[in-house]
Amino acid sequence: VEFSHLHSRRTHERLDGAIDRAWEAALAVNARLFDGSKFRLASISREATGEPLLRLGLTGYREYLGTNRLDAAGLAELIADGRRYHGHADAYLSNALGCEAVLITSDDHAVLLRRSTAVATHGGLYNGPSGHPEPERAGLACPSFAEGLEGRTNGSTPCSALAKAEPGSENARACDELFDSIVQETVEETGIRRSHLSSPLLIGLMADAC
């Protein structure tokens, strides 16, 4: 994992107002929604060793709803402008990173859970234990992030607190959180004890297409 605030999304001068509008609309439907900080997946590549390299920044659930979940026309404009001005289709997108487990029981059954109908996306559908790795749990969340887009510089989310950490330690803490988060989600959503779970393995990466 390569963690840096430089991997956070770029701000869009005109369409970033949609973030606030989308968040207000979502809160009107479900007042329990919370805009916590999330990791942003900037890119994935493969090292010479064959291991995947994830470049992560910071984003939030509010940014996700106002960019990745924007209406088709707005999303298409964000993607086109990302390519035009930054050479990357995802430059203006939140791309909040989630995690999901393929949980296999000792007698070779897969565990699926039905999502709450109160969530903002994919309500009522079935999937494995899932959630989001939490930057705050890894000590990587920027205290000012929850204030929204104000104070952002050059399209990134700076956080002076992160600069105080030992070089490279942010990467290790972010990587540890990616694996620990799915164990925590499984424990919370199924009631299975940690001691009854094997160590998690990375089996794949996928983009949310809808």
N, C-alpha and C. Protein backbone atom coordinates (compact mmCIF):
# COMPACT_ATOMS: atom_id res chain seq x y z
N VAL A 1 0.85 -1.19 0.00
CA VAL A 1 0.00 0.00 0.00
C VAL A 1 0.88 1.24 0.00
N GLU A 2 0.50 2.21 -0.83
CA GLU A 2 1.15 3.52 -0.84
C GLU A 2 0.09 4.54 -0.45
N PHE A 3 0.19 5.07 0.76
CA PHE A 3 -0.81 6.01 1.27
C PHE A 3 -0.26 7.43 1.22
N SER A 4 -1.04 8.35 0.64
CA SER A 4 -0.63 9.75 0.58
C SER A 4 -1.85 10.62 0.32
N HIS A 5 -1.87 11.82 0.93
CA HIS A 5 -2.98 12.74 0.64
C HIS A 5 -2.94 13.19 -0.81
N LEU A 6 -1.82 13.00 -1.49
CA LEU A 6 -1.72 13.35 -2.91
C LEU A 6 -2.58 12.43 -3.77
N HIS A 7 -3.01 11.28 -3.20
CA HIS A 7 -3.87 10.35 -3.94
C HIS A 7 -5.35 10.64 -3.71
N SER A 8 -5.67 11.75 -3.04
CA SER A 8 -7.07 12.11 -2.84
C SER A 8 -7.63 12.72 -4.13
N ARG A 9 -8.95 12.78 -4.23
CA ARG A 9 -9.59 13.26 -5.45
C ARG A 9 -9.32 14.73 -5.69
N ARG A 10 -9.40 15.12 -6.97
CA ARG A 10 -9.30 16.52 -7.34
C ARG A 10 -10.66 17.18 -7.21
N THR A 11 -10.65 18.45 -6.87
CA THR A 11 -11.91 19.18 -6.78
C THR A 11 -12.31 19.69 -8.16
N HIS A 12 -13.62 19.68 -8.43
CA HIS A 12 -14.16 20.14 -9.71
C HIS A 12 -14.87 21.46 -9.46
N GLU A 13 -14.41 22.50 -10.14
CA GLU A 13 -14.90 23.85 -9.85
C GLU A 13 -16.41 23.98 -9.95
N ARG A 14 -17.01 23.31 -10.91
CA ARG A 14 -18.45 23.49 -11.13
C ARG A 14 -19.29 22.39 -10.49
N LEU A 15 -18.89 21.14 -10.63
CA LEU A 15 -19.75 20.02 -10.23
C LEU A 15 -19.61 19.62 -8.76
N ASP A 16 -18.64 20.18 -8.04
CA ASP A 16 -18.52 19.79 -6.63
C ASP A 16 -19.71 20.24 -5.79
N GLY A 17 -20.50 21.20 -6.31
CA GLY A 17 -21.71 21.57 -5.60
C GLY A 17 -22.70 20.42 -5.53
N ALA A 18 -22.58 19.46 -6.45
CA ALA A 18 -23.47 18.31 -6.46
C ALA A 18 -23.24 17.43 -5.23
N ILE A 19 -22.05 17.50 -4.66
CA ILE A 19 -21.75 16.69 -3.48
C ILE A 19 -22.66 17.10 -2.32
N ASP A 20 -22.76 18.40 -2.08
CA ASP A 20 -23.63 18.88 -1.01
C ASP A 20 -25.09 18.56 -1.29
N ARG A 21 -25.52 18.75 -2.53
CA ARG A 21 -26.92 18.48 -2.87
C ARG A 21 -27.26 17.00 -2.72
N ALA A 22 -26.35 16.13 -3.16
CA ALA A 22 -26.59 14.69 -3.04
C ALA A 22 -26.63 14.27 -1.58
N TRP A 23 -25.77 14.87 -0.76
CA TRP A 23 -25.73 14.51 0.66
C TRP A 23 -26.99 14.97 1.37
N GLU A 24 -27.44 16.17 1.08
CA GLU A 24 -28.67 16.68 1.69
C GLU A 24 -29.87 15.82 1.29
N ALA A 25 -29.90 15.38 0.04
CA ALA A 25 -31.00 14.53 -0.42
C ALA A 25 -30.97 13.17 0.27
N ALA A 26 -29.76 12.63 0.44
CA ALA A 26 -29.63 11.33 1.10
C ALA A 26 -30.03 11.42 2.57
N LEU A 27 -29.65 12.52 3.24
CA LEU A 27 -30.02 12.70 4.65
C LEU A 27 -31.53 12.87 4.82
N ALA A 28 -32.17 13.46 3.82
CA ALA A 28 -33.62 13.63 3.90
C ALA A 28 -34.33 12.29 3.89
N VAL A 29 -33.73 11.31 3.23
CA VAL A 29 -34.31 9.96 3.17
C VAL A 29 -33.90 9.13 4.38
N ASN A 30 -32.64 9.30 4.81
CA ASN A 30 -32.11 8.51 5.93
C ASN A 30 -31.21 9.39 6.79
N ALA A 31 -31.76 9.90 7.87
CA ALA A 31 -31.04 10.83 8.74
C ALA A 31 -29.90 10.16 9.50
N ARG A 32 -29.81 8.83 9.45
CA ARG A 32 -28.77 8.12 10.19
C ARG A 32 -27.45 8.03 9.43
N LEU A 33 -27.42 8.49 8.19
CA LEU A 33 -26.18 8.44 7.41
C LEU A 33 -25.11 9.29 8.08
N PHE A 34 -23.86 8.83 7.99
CA PHE A 34 -22.75 9.52 8.65
C PHE A 34 -21.59 9.65 7.67
N ASP A 35 -21.04 10.85 7.55
CA ASP A 35 -19.95 11.10 6.62
C ASP A 35 -18.60 10.86 7.31
N GLY A 36 -18.23 9.60 7.46
CA GLY A 36 -16.93 9.28 8.03
C GLY A 36 -15.86 9.27 6.95
N SER A 37 -14.60 9.45 7.34
CA SER A 37 -13.51 9.39 6.36
C SER A 37 -13.31 7.96 5.89
N LYS A 38 -12.97 7.81 4.62
CA LYS A 38 -12.72 6.51 4.00
C LYS A 38 -11.42 6.59 3.20
N PHE A 39 -10.86 5.43 2.92
CA PHE A 39 -9.73 5.40 2.01
C PHE A 39 -10.23 5.58 0.58
N ARG A 40 -9.48 6.31 -0.22
CA ARG A 40 -9.79 6.46 -1.64
C ARG A 40 -8.82 5.62 -2.45
N LEU A 41 -9.35 4.76 -3.31
CA LEU A 41 -8.50 3.95 -4.19
C LEU A 41 -8.17 4.78 -5.41
N ALA A 42 -6.91 5.24 -5.49
CA ALA A 42 -6.47 6.06 -6.62
C ALA A 42 -6.07 5.21 -7.81
N SER A 43 -5.38 4.11 -7.55
CA SER A 43 -4.96 3.24 -8.66
C SER A 43 -4.46 1.91 -8.11
N ILE A 44 -4.39 0.93 -8.99
CA ILE A 44 -3.84 -0.39 -8.67
C ILE A 44 -2.82 -0.73 -9.74
N SER A 45 -1.69 -1.23 -9.32
CA SER A 45 -0.69 -1.71 -10.28
C SER A 45 -0.07 -2.99 -9.71
N ARG A 46 0.79 -3.61 -10.50
CA ARG A 46 1.43 -4.84 -10.06
C ARG A 46 2.94 -4.62 -9.95
N GLU A 47 3.50 -4.98 -8.80
CA GLU A 47 4.94 -4.85 -8.58
C GLU A 47 5.69 -5.90 -9.40
N ALA A 48 7.01 -5.74 -9.49
CA ALA A 48 7.83 -6.71 -10.20
C ALA A 48 7.74 -8.09 -9.57
N THR A 49 7.44 -8.12 -8.27
CA THR A 49 7.30 -9.39 -7.55
C THR A 49 5.97 -10.08 -7.84
N GLY A 50 5.07 -9.36 -8.53
CA GLY A 50 3.74 -9.91 -8.79
C GLY A 50 2.70 -9.47 -7.79
N GLU A 51 3.14 -8.82 -6.70
CA GLU A 51 2.20 -8.37 -5.68
C GLU A 51 1.49 -7.10 -6.13
N PRO A 52 0.20 -6.95 -5.77
CA PRO A 52 -0.52 -5.73 -6.13
C PRO A 52 -0.07 -4.55 -5.28
N LEU A 53 -0.08 -3.36 -5.87
CA LEU A 53 0.22 -2.13 -5.16
C LEU A 53 -1.01 -1.24 -5.23
N LEU A 54 -1.58 -0.92 -4.08
CA LEU A 54 -2.75 -0.05 -3.99
C LEU A 54 -2.29 1.33 -3.56
N ARG A 55 -2.63 2.35 -4.34
CA ARG A 55 -2.33 3.73 -3.98
C ARG A 55 -3.59 4.34 -3.39
N LEU A 56 -3.50 4.74 -2.14
CA LEU A 56 -4.67 5.19 -1.38
C LEU A 56 -4.53 6.63 -0.92
N GLY A 57 -5.64 7.36 -1.00
CA GLY A 57 -5.74 8.68 -0.40
C GLY A 57 -6.90 8.69 0.58
N LEU A 58 -7.46 9.86 0.83
CA LEU A 58 -8.60 9.98 1.72
C LEU A 58 -9.81 10.53 0.97
N THR A 59 -10.96 10.07 1.35
CA THR A 59 -12.23 10.59 0.84
C THR A 59 -13.26 10.42 1.94
N GLY A 60 -14.53 10.48 1.61
CA GLY A 60 -15.58 10.30 2.59
C GLY A 60 -16.85 9.81 1.92
N TYR A 61 -17.80 9.38 2.72
CA TYR A 61 -19.04 8.83 2.17
C TYR A 61 -19.82 9.91 1.43
N ARG A 62 -19.73 11.15 1.94
CA ARG A 62 -20.41 12.25 1.28
C ARG A 62 -19.87 12.47 -0.13
N GLU A 63 -18.55 12.44 -0.26
CA GLU A 63 -17.94 12.60 -1.58
C GLU A 63 -18.32 11.45 -2.51
N TYR A 64 -18.42 10.25 -1.95
CA TYR A 64 -18.80 9.08 -2.75
C TYR A 64 -20.19 9.26 -3.35
N LEU A 65 -21.15 9.67 -2.53
CA LEU A 65 -22.51 9.84 -3.03
C LEU A 65 -22.59 10.96 -4.07
N GLY A 66 -21.76 12.00 -3.91
CA GLY A 66 -21.82 13.14 -4.79
C GLY A 66 -20.95 13.05 -6.03
N THR A 67 -20.20 11.96 -6.18
CA THR A 67 -19.37 11.79 -7.38
C THR A 67 -19.66 10.45 -8.04
N ASN A 68 -19.27 9.37 -7.43
CA ASN A 68 -19.49 8.04 -8.01
C ASN A 68 -20.97 7.73 -8.20
N ARG A 69 -21.84 8.27 -7.35
CA ARG A 69 -23.27 8.00 -7.44
C ARG A 69 -24.03 9.16 -8.07
N LEU A 70 -23.31 10.04 -8.74
CA LEU A 70 -23.94 11.16 -9.44
C LEU A 70 -24.80 10.64 -10.59
N ASP A 71 -25.74 11.45 -11.06
CA ASP A 71 -26.54 11.05 -12.21
C ASP A 71 -25.65 10.81 -13.42
N ALA A 72 -26.16 10.09 -14.41
CA ALA A 72 -25.34 9.64 -15.54
C ALA A 72 -24.65 10.78 -16.26
N ALA A 73 -25.36 11.88 -16.48
CA ALA A 73 -24.78 13.01 -17.21
C ALA A 73 -23.65 13.66 -16.41
N GLY A 74 -23.88 13.87 -15.12
CA GLY A 74 -22.86 14.47 -14.27
C GLY A 74 -21.64 13.59 -14.13
N LEU A 75 -21.87 12.30 -13.97
CA LEU A 75 -20.76 11.36 -13.85
C LEU A 75 -19.93 11.33 -15.13
N ALA A 76 -20.62 11.34 -16.27
CA ALA A 76 -19.91 11.33 -17.55
C ALA A 76 -19.04 12.58 -17.70
N GLU A 77 -19.55 13.72 -17.22
CA GLU A 77 -18.77 14.96 -17.31
C GLU A 77 -17.55 14.91 -16.40
N LEU A 78 -17.71 14.37 -15.19
CA LEU A 78 -16.57 14.24 -14.28
C LEU A 78 -15.48 13.35 -14.90
N ILE A 79 -15.90 12.25 -15.51
CA ILE A 79 -14.95 11.32 -16.12
C ILE A 79 -14.25 11.98 -17.31
N ALA A 80 -15.01 12.66 -18.14
CA ALA A 80 -14.43 13.32 -19.32
C ALA A 80 -13.45 14.41 -18.91
N ASP A 81 -13.83 15.20 -17.90
CA ASP A 81 -12.94 16.28 -17.44
C ASP A 81 -11.71 15.72 -16.74
N GLY A 82 -11.86 14.59 -16.05
CA GLY A 82 -10.71 13.96 -15.44
C GLY A 82 -9.67 13.56 -16.47
N ARG A 83 -10.16 12.98 -17.57
CA ARG A 83 -9.26 12.61 -18.66
C ARG A 83 -8.62 13.85 -19.29
N ARG A 84 -9.44 14.88 -19.50
CA ARG A 84 -8.99 16.07 -20.22
C ARG A 84 -7.95 16.86 -19.41
N TYR A 85 -8.19 17.06 -18.12
CA TYR A 85 -7.34 17.95 -17.35
C TYR A 85 -6.27 17.25 -16.52
N HIS A 86 -6.48 15.96 -16.24
CA HIS A 86 -5.53 15.25 -15.38
C HIS A 86 -5.03 13.94 -15.97
N GLY A 87 -5.53 13.58 -17.15
CA GLY A 87 -5.08 12.35 -17.79
C GLY A 87 -5.55 11.09 -17.08
N HIS A 88 -6.61 11.21 -16.26
CA HIS A 88 -7.11 10.06 -15.51
C HIS A 88 -8.62 10.20 -15.34
N ALA A 89 -9.37 9.21 -15.80
CA ALA A 89 -10.82 9.28 -15.76
C ALA A 89 -11.37 9.40 -14.35
N ASP A 90 -10.65 8.89 -13.36
CA ASP A 90 -11.15 8.88 -11.98
C ASP A 90 -10.67 10.06 -11.15
N ALA A 91 -10.01 11.04 -11.73
CA ALA A 91 -9.39 12.12 -10.97
C ALA A 91 -10.37 12.85 -10.06
N TYR A 92 -11.63 13.01 -10.51
CA TYR A 92 -12.63 13.75 -9.73
C TYR A 92 -13.54 12.83 -8.91
N LEU A 93 -13.33 11.52 -8.98
CA LEU A 93 -14.22 10.58 -8.30
C LEU A 93 -13.71 10.21 -6.91
N SER A 94 -14.63 9.93 -6.03
CA SER A 94 -14.29 9.53 -4.66
C SER A 94 -13.62 8.16 -4.62
N ASN A 95 -14.21 7.19 -5.33
CA ASN A 95 -13.69 5.82 -5.35
C ASN A 95 -13.39 5.30 -3.95
N ALA A 96 -14.37 5.49 -3.05
CA ALA A 96 -14.21 5.01 -1.67
C ALA A 96 -13.97 3.50 -1.68
N LEU A 97 -13.00 3.07 -0.91
CA LEU A 97 -12.59 1.66 -0.89
C LEU A 97 -13.42 0.87 0.10
N GLY A 98 -14.03 -0.20 -0.37
CA GLY A 98 -14.79 -1.09 0.50
C GLY A 98 -14.07 -2.42 0.67
N CYS A 99 -14.63 -3.28 1.49
CA CYS A 99 -14.08 -4.63 1.67
C CYS A 99 -15.25 -5.60 1.80
N GLU A 100 -15.05 -6.81 1.32
CA GLU A 100 -16.08 -7.83 1.41
C GLU A 100 -15.41 -9.20 1.56
N ALA A 101 -16.00 -10.05 2.36
CA ALA A 101 -15.44 -11.37 2.61
C ALA A 101 -16.22 -12.45 1.88
N VAL A 102 -15.51 -13.40 1.34
CA VAL A 102 -16.11 -14.68 0.95
C VAL A 102 -15.90 -15.58 2.16
N LEU A 103 -16.92 -15.66 2.99
CA LEU A 103 -16.82 -16.38 4.25
C LEU A 103 -17.27 -17.83 4.06
N ILE A 104 -16.34 -18.75 4.22
CA ILE A 104 -16.61 -20.17 4.01
C ILE A 104 -16.61 -20.88 5.36
N THR A 105 -17.67 -21.64 5.62
CA THR A 105 -17.77 -22.38 6.88
C THR A 105 -16.92 -23.64 6.84
N SER A 106 -16.76 -24.26 7.98
CA SER A 106 -15.94 -25.48 8.06
C SER A 106 -16.53 -26.63 7.27
N ASP A 107 -17.86 -26.56 6.96
CA ASP A 107 -18.48 -27.60 6.13
C ASP A 107 -18.73 -27.10 4.70
N ASP A 108 -17.93 -26.12 4.29
CA ASP A 108 -17.89 -25.66 2.90
C ASP A 108 -19.18 -25.00 2.40
N HIS A 109 -19.81 -24.20 3.24
CA HIS A 109 -20.92 -23.36 2.82
C HIS A 109 -20.46 -21.90 2.82
N ALA A 110 -20.98 -21.12 1.89
CA ALA A 110 -20.68 -19.69 1.83
C ALA A 110 -21.76 -18.92 2.58
N VAL A 111 -21.35 -17.92 3.35
CA VAL A 111 -22.27 -17.13 4.16
C VAL A 111 -22.64 -15.85 3.42
N LEU A 112 -23.93 -15.63 3.19
CA LEU A 112 -24.43 -14.41 2.59
C LEU A 112 -25.36 -13.71 3.57
N LEU A 113 -25.29 -12.39 3.59
CA LEU A 113 -26.12 -11.58 4.48
C LEU A 113 -26.95 -10.62 3.64
N ARG A 114 -28.15 -10.34 4.10
CA ARG A 114 -28.99 -9.37 3.38
C ARG A 114 -28.72 -7.97 3.91
N ARG A 115 -28.41 -7.04 3.00
CA ARG A 115 -28.14 -5.67 3.38
C ARG A 115 -29.41 -4.99 3.89
N SER A 116 -29.22 -4.08 4.82
CA SER A 116 -30.33 -3.29 5.33
C SER A 116 -30.95 -2.46 4.21
N THR A 117 -32.24 -2.25 4.29
CA THR A 117 -32.91 -1.38 3.31
C THR A 117 -32.72 0.09 3.68
N ALA A 118 -32.06 0.36 4.82
CA ALA A 118 -31.84 1.74 5.26
C ALA A 118 -30.56 2.34 4.70
N VAL A 119 -29.71 1.53 4.07
CA VAL A 119 -28.46 2.05 3.53
C VAL A 119 -28.74 2.83 2.24
N ALA A 120 -27.77 3.69 1.85
CA ALA A 120 -28.00 4.57 0.70
C ALA A 120 -27.90 3.84 -0.63
N THR A 121 -27.15 2.74 -0.68
CA THR A 121 -26.96 2.03 -1.94
C THR A 121 -27.12 0.52 -1.75
N HIS A 122 -27.66 -0.15 -2.75
CA HIS A 122 -27.76 -1.61 -2.80
C HIS A 122 -28.55 -2.20 -1.63
N GLY A 123 -29.52 -1.46 -1.13
CA GLY A 123 -30.33 -1.95 -0.02
C GLY A 123 -31.12 -3.20 -0.37
N GLY A 124 -31.18 -4.14 0.57
CA GLY A 124 -31.95 -5.36 0.38
C GLY A 124 -31.26 -6.45 -0.41
N LEU A 125 -30.08 -6.18 -0.95
CA LEU A 125 -29.36 -7.20 -1.72
C LEU A 125 -28.51 -8.07 -0.79
N TYR A 126 -28.07 -9.21 -1.32
CA TYR A 126 -27.25 -10.13 -0.54
C TYR A 126 -25.78 -10.01 -0.92
N ASN A 127 -24.92 -10.09 0.08
CA ASN A 127 -23.47 -10.18 -0.15
C ASN A 127 -22.80 -10.78 1.07
N GLY A 128 -21.51 -10.94 1.00
CA GLY A 128 -20.77 -11.44 2.15
C GLY A 128 -20.60 -10.33 3.18
N PRO A 129 -20.08 -10.65 4.36
CA PRO A 129 -19.79 -9.60 5.34
C PRO A 129 -18.96 -8.50 4.68
N SER A 130 -19.34 -7.26 4.86
CA SER A 130 -18.68 -6.20 4.11
C SER A 130 -18.75 -4.88 4.85
N GLY A 131 -17.97 -3.95 4.38
CA GLY A 131 -17.94 -2.62 4.99
C GLY A 131 -16.83 -1.80 4.37
N HIS A 132 -16.17 -1.00 5.18
CA HIS A 132 -15.10 -0.14 4.70
C HIS A 132 -13.92 -0.18 5.66
N PRO A 133 -12.70 -0.25 5.15
CA PRO A 133 -11.54 -0.01 6.02
C PRO A 133 -11.64 1.43 6.54
N GLU A 134 -11.26 1.64 7.79
CA GLU A 134 -11.44 2.95 8.42
C GLU A 134 -10.10 3.65 8.65
N PRO A 135 -9.83 4.75 7.94
CA PRO A 135 -8.58 5.49 8.18
C PRO A 135 -8.43 5.92 9.63
N GLU A 136 -9.52 6.28 10.27
CA GLU A 136 -9.46 6.73 11.67
C GLU A 136 -8.93 5.63 12.57
N ARG A 137 -9.36 4.39 12.32
CA ARG A 137 -8.92 3.26 13.13
C ARG A 137 -7.42 3.02 12.97
N ALA A 138 -6.89 3.40 11.81
CA ALA A 138 -5.45 3.25 11.55
C ALA A 138 -4.67 4.49 11.94
N GLY A 139 -5.36 5.48 12.49
CA GLY A 139 -4.69 6.71 12.88
C GLY A 139 -4.30 7.57 11.70
N LEU A 140 -5.06 7.46 10.59
CA LEU A 140 -4.70 8.15 9.36
C LEU A 140 -5.75 9.15 8.90
N ALA A 141 -6.84 9.27 9.62
CA ALA A 141 -7.90 10.20 9.21
C ALA A 141 -7.49 11.62 9.54
N CYS A 142 -7.73 12.52 8.60
CA CYS A 142 -7.44 13.93 8.82
C CYS A 142 -8.53 14.54 9.68
N PRO A 143 -8.18 15.16 10.83
CA PRO A 143 -9.22 15.72 11.71
C PRO A 143 -10.11 16.73 11.01
N SER A 144 -9.60 17.47 10.01
CA SER A 144 -10.39 18.49 9.36
C SER A 144 -11.23 17.95 8.22
N PHE A 145 -11.09 16.64 7.92
CA PHE A 145 -11.77 16.12 6.73
C PHE A 145 -13.27 16.22 6.84
N ALA A 146 -13.80 15.96 8.03
CA ALA A 146 -15.25 15.95 8.22
C ALA A 146 -15.86 17.33 7.99
N GLU A 147 -15.03 18.37 7.93
CA GLU A 147 -15.55 19.71 7.69
C GLU A 147 -15.95 19.90 6.24
N GLY A 148 -15.64 18.91 5.39
CA GLY A 148 -16.05 18.99 4.00
C GLY A 148 -14.92 19.40 3.09
N LEU A 149 -15.26 20.13 2.03
CA LEU A 149 -14.29 20.48 1.01
C LEU A 149 -13.48 21.71 1.36
N GLU A 150 -13.85 22.45 2.39
CA GLU A 150 -13.14 23.67 2.73
C GLU A 150 -11.72 23.35 3.19
N GLY A 151 -10.79 24.20 2.81
CA GLY A 151 -9.42 24.04 3.26
C GLY A 151 -8.60 23.11 2.41
N ARG A 152 -9.18 22.56 1.35
CA ARG A 152 -8.43 21.66 0.49
C ARG A 152 -7.53 22.48 -0.42
N THR A 153 -6.36 21.93 -0.73
CA THR A 153 -5.35 22.63 -1.52
C THR A 153 -4.98 21.80 -2.73
N ASN A 154 -5.02 22.44 -3.91
CA ASN A 154 -4.62 21.75 -5.15
C ASN A 154 -5.35 20.43 -5.35
N GLY A 155 -6.61 20.39 -4.91
CA GLY A 155 -7.41 19.21 -5.15
C GLY A 155 -7.11 18.03 -4.26
N SER A 156 -6.32 18.22 -3.20
CA SER A 156 -6.02 17.11 -2.30
C SER A 156 -6.42 17.49 -0.89
N THR A 157 -6.38 16.53 0.02
CA THR A 157 -6.79 16.76 1.39
C THR A 157 -5.57 16.71 2.29
N PRO A 158 -4.93 17.85 2.58
CA PRO A 158 -3.72 17.83 3.40
C PRO A 158 -4.04 17.57 4.85
N CYS A 159 -3.13 17.00 5.57
CA CYS A 159 -3.32 16.77 7.00
C CYS A 159 -1.94 16.78 7.66
N SER A 160 -1.64 17.85 8.40
CA SER A 160 -0.31 17.98 8.98
C SER A 160 -0.02 16.88 9.98
N ALA A 161 -1.07 16.30 10.58
CA ALA A 161 -0.86 15.24 11.57
C ALA A 161 -0.18 14.03 10.94
N LEU A 162 -0.50 13.77 9.66
CA LEU A 162 0.09 12.61 9.00
C LEU A 162 1.58 12.79 8.80
N ALA A 163 2.04 14.03 8.65
CA ALA A 163 3.45 14.28 8.39
C ALA A 163 4.31 13.96 9.60
N LYS A 164 3.71 13.84 10.78
CA LYS A 164 4.48 13.56 11.99
C LYS A 164 4.81 12.08 12.16
N ALA A 165 4.18 11.24 11.37
CA ALA A 165 4.41 9.80 11.49
C ALA A 165 5.76 9.43 10.90
N GLU A 166 6.30 8.30 11.34
CA GLU A 166 7.56 7.81 10.79
C GLU A 166 7.39 7.51 9.31
N PRO A 167 8.41 7.80 8.48
CA PRO A 167 8.32 7.52 7.04
C PRO A 167 7.98 6.06 6.78
N GLY A 168 6.97 5.85 5.96
CA GLY A 168 6.59 4.49 5.61
C GLY A 168 5.59 3.86 6.56
N SER A 169 5.47 4.41 7.79
CA SER A 169 4.57 3.79 8.76
C SER A 169 3.12 3.94 8.35
N GLU A 170 2.79 5.04 7.64
CA GLU A 170 1.42 5.22 7.18
C GLU A 170 1.03 4.09 6.24
N ASN A 171 1.95 3.68 5.38
CA ASN A 171 1.67 2.59 4.43
C ASN A 171 1.38 1.29 5.17
N ALA A 172 2.19 0.99 6.17
CA ALA A 172 2.01 -0.25 6.93
C ALA A 172 0.70 -0.24 7.70
N ARG A 173 0.37 0.90 8.31
CA ARG A 173 -0.87 0.99 9.07
C ARG A 173 -2.09 0.89 8.17
N ALA A 174 -2.00 1.51 6.99
CA ALA A 174 -3.11 1.41 6.05
C ALA A 174 -3.28 -0.03 5.58
N CYS A 175 -2.19 -0.70 5.28
CA CYS A 175 -2.25 -2.09 4.83
C CYS A 175 -2.83 -2.99 5.90
N ASP A 176 -2.39 -2.80 7.15
CA ASP A 176 -2.92 -3.61 8.25
C ASP A 176 -4.42 -3.41 8.40
N GLU A 177 -4.88 -2.17 8.22
CA GLU A 177 -6.30 -1.88 8.37
C GLU A 177 -7.13 -2.54 7.28
N LEU A 178 -6.59 -2.66 6.08
CA LEU A 178 -7.33 -3.31 5.00
C LEU A 178 -7.69 -4.74 5.39
N PHE A 179 -6.76 -5.44 6.00
CA PHE A 179 -7.01 -6.83 6.38
C PHE A 179 -7.80 -6.94 7.69
N ASP A 180 -7.47 -6.06 8.66
CA ASP A 180 -8.17 -6.15 9.94
C ASP A 180 -9.63 -5.74 9.81
N SER A 181 -9.92 -4.81 8.90
CA SER A 181 -11.28 -4.30 8.78
C SER A 181 -12.26 -5.40 8.38
N ILE A 182 -11.86 -6.29 7.48
CA ILE A 182 -12.80 -7.32 7.05
C ILE A 182 -13.03 -8.35 8.14
N VAL A 183 -12.01 -8.57 8.97
CA VAL A 183 -12.21 -9.46 10.12
C VAL A 183 -13.19 -8.81 11.09
N GLN A 184 -13.01 -7.51 11.35
CA GLN A 184 -13.90 -6.79 12.27
C GLN A 184 -15.33 -6.78 11.74
N GLU A 185 -15.50 -6.54 10.44
CA GLU A 185 -16.84 -6.54 9.86
C GLU A 185 -17.49 -7.91 10.00
N THR A 186 -16.73 -8.97 9.79
CA THR A 186 -17.27 -10.33 9.90
C THR A 186 -17.71 -10.63 11.32
N VAL A 187 -16.90 -10.22 12.29
CA VAL A 187 -17.26 -10.43 13.69
C VAL A 187 -18.54 -9.68 14.04
N GLU A 188 -18.61 -8.42 13.62
CA GLU A 188 -19.76 -7.59 13.98
C GLU A 188 -21.04 -8.04 13.28
N GLU A 189 -20.94 -8.50 12.04
CA GLU A 189 -22.14 -8.82 11.28
C GLU A 189 -22.62 -10.26 11.46
N THR A 190 -21.76 -11.15 11.92
CA THR A 190 -22.16 -12.56 12.06
C THR A 190 -22.12 -13.05 13.50
N GLY A 191 -21.38 -12.35 14.37
CA GLY A 191 -21.26 -12.81 15.74
C GLY A 191 -20.20 -13.90 15.93
N ILE A 192 -19.50 -14.26 14.86
CA ILE A 192 -18.43 -15.25 14.97
C ILE A 192 -17.24 -14.63 15.69
N ARG A 193 -16.65 -15.36 16.60
CA ARG A 193 -15.51 -14.84 17.35
C ARG A 193 -14.27 -14.77 16.45
N ARG A 194 -13.42 -13.80 16.73
CA ARG A 194 -12.17 -13.68 15.98
C ARG A 194 -11.35 -14.96 16.06
N SER A 195 -11.36 -15.59 17.21
CA SER A 195 -10.56 -16.79 17.41
C SER A 195 -11.03 -17.95 16.54
N HIS A 196 -12.24 -17.85 16.00
CA HIS A 196 -12.78 -18.91 15.15
C HIS A 196 -12.58 -18.63 13.66
N LEU A 197 -11.94 -17.50 13.35
CA LEU A 197 -11.71 -17.11 11.96
C LEU A 197 -10.25 -17.33 11.57
N SER A 198 -10.03 -17.79 10.36
CA SER A 198 -8.66 -17.90 9.86
C SER A 198 -8.19 -16.53 9.41
N SER A 199 -6.91 -16.38 9.15
CA SER A 199 -6.37 -15.11 8.69
C SER A 199 -6.94 -14.79 7.30
N PRO A 200 -7.31 -13.53 7.08
CA PRO A 200 -7.88 -13.17 5.78
C PRO A 200 -6.84 -13.20 4.66
N LEU A 201 -7.28 -13.55 3.48
CA LEU A 201 -6.42 -13.58 2.30
C LEU A 201 -7.01 -12.68 1.23
N LEU A 202 -6.16 -11.96 0.52
CA LEU A 202 -6.62 -11.17 -0.61
C LEU A 202 -6.82 -12.08 -1.81
N ILE A 203 -8.06 -12.12 -2.32
CA ILE A 203 -8.31 -13.00 -3.47
C ILE A 203 -8.69 -12.22 -4.72
N GLY A 204 -8.90 -10.92 -4.59
CA GLY A 204 -9.24 -10.15 -5.78
C GLY A 204 -9.59 -8.71 -5.46
N LEU A 205 -9.62 -7.90 -6.50
CA LEU A 205 -10.00 -6.49 -6.42
C LEU A 205 -11.00 -6.22 -7.54
N MET A 206 -12.02 -5.44 -7.23
CA MET A 206 -13.03 -5.16 -8.26
C MET A 206 -13.55 -3.75 -8.11
N ALA A 207 -14.04 -3.20 -9.21
CA ALA A 207 -14.65 -1.87 -9.19
C ALA A 207 -16.15 -2.00 -9.10
N ASP A 208 -16.79 -1.08 -8.38
CA ASP A 208 -18.23 -1.05 -8.27
C ASP A 208 -18.79 -0.43 -9.53
N ALA A 209 -19.53 -1.21 -10.30
CA ALA A 209 -19.98 -0.76 -11.61
C ALA A 209 -21.33 -0.07 -11.59
N CYS A 210 -22.01 -0.07 -10.46
CA CYS A 210 -23.33 0.56 -10.45
C CYS A 210 -23.62 1.18 -9.09
